[in-house]
Protein backbone atom coordinates (compact mmCIF):
# COMPACT_ATOMS: atom_id res chain seq x y z
CA UNK A 1 136.25 56.56 150.21
CA UNK A 2 135.37 56.89 153.89
CA UNK A 3 135.44 53.10 154.30
CA UNK A 4 138.90 52.91 152.77
CA UNK A 5 140.13 55.70 155.02
CA UNK A 6 138.64 54.02 158.09
CA UNK A 7 140.24 50.72 157.10
CA UNK A 8 143.61 52.42 156.62
CA UNK A 9 143.38 54.13 160.00
CA UNK A 10 142.39 50.88 161.71
CA UNK A 11 145.30 49.02 160.12
CA UNK A 12 147.70 51.81 161.09
CA UNK A 13 146.50 51.78 164.69
CA UNK A 14 146.82 48.00 164.87
CA UNK A 15 150.35 48.14 163.46
CA UNK A 16 151.38 50.83 165.91
CA UNK A 17 149.90 48.83 168.79
CA UNK A 18 151.81 45.73 167.67
CA UNK A 19 155.13 47.60 167.44
CA UNK A 20 154.47 49.16 170.85
CA UNK A 21 153.79 45.71 172.32
CA UNK A 22 157.03 44.39 170.84
CA UNK A 23 158.94 47.32 172.36
CA UNK A 24 157.41 46.61 175.78
CA UNK A 25 158.44 42.95 175.50
CA UNK A 26 161.97 44.08 174.62
CA UNK A 27 162.08 46.46 177.58
CA UNK A 28 160.90 43.72 179.93
CA UNK A 29 163.08 40.87 178.66
CA UNK A 30 166.09 42.69 177.20
CA UNK A 31 168.47 40.64 175.09
CA UNK A 32 166.61 37.40 175.82
CA UNK A 33 163.42 38.56 174.12
CA UNK A 34 164.00 36.62 170.88
CA UNK A 35 165.26 37.17 167.36
CA UNK A 36 162.08 38.75 166.00
CA UNK A 37 161.82 41.28 168.82
CA UNK A 38 165.50 42.18 168.51
CA UNK A 39 165.17 42.66 164.74
CA UNK A 40 162.14 44.94 165.20
CA UNK A 41 164.03 47.03 167.76
CA UNK A 42 167.07 47.16 165.47
CA UNK A 43 164.93 48.29 162.52
CA UNK A 44 163.29 51.00 164.63
CA UNK A 45 166.74 52.21 165.64
CA UNK A 46 167.77 52.41 161.98
CA UNK A 47 164.57 54.30 161.16
CA UNK A 48 165.22 56.84 163.89
CA UNK A 49 168.79 57.32 162.63
CA UNK A 50 167.54 57.81 159.06
CA UNK A 51 165.05 60.52 159.99
CA UNK A 52 166.93 63.74 159.40
CA UNK A 53 165.62 67.13 160.50
CA UNK A 54 164.85 67.90 156.85
CA UNK A 55 162.64 64.82 156.59
CA UNK A 56 160.78 65.73 159.77
CA UNK A 57 160.21 69.29 158.51
CA UNK A 58 158.95 68.03 155.15
CA UNK A 59 156.45 65.69 156.84
CA UNK A 60 155.29 68.57 159.06
CA UNK A 61 154.82 70.81 156.01
CA UNK A 62 152.78 68.11 154.25
CA UNK A 63 150.64 67.65 157.37
CA UNK A 64 149.98 71.39 157.67
CA UNK A 65 149.14 71.65 153.96
CA UNK A 66 146.76 68.69 154.23
CA UNK A 67 145.06 70.15 157.31
CA UNK A 68 144.77 73.54 155.61
CA UNK A 69 143.21 72.01 152.48
CA UNK A 70 140.70 69.98 154.55
CA UNK A 71 139.78 73.04 156.59
CA UNK A 72 139.28 75.13 153.45
CA UNK A 73 136.78 72.64 151.99
C-alpha cells in the first residue's frame, strides 16, 4: 500500500510540475504560446470558475477528517 501511495504522490507532483511549467510558458509567451498551452490555460480557468465555495469547504472537511483519522491511529 505504501508503494502505491508513493507512486500516486510522485505522479501527482509530476503532473503539478508539468501544469506549472505550461503556465510559465504561457506567461512568458502570451497568446503566441501555442494551441496546447492555450487549451491548458483555458481549462484551468474553467476549473477555477467551477470551484464554488461549497466545493472548497467540502474538500477542506474531507482533508480535516482524513488528518484526524490518521492521527487517531
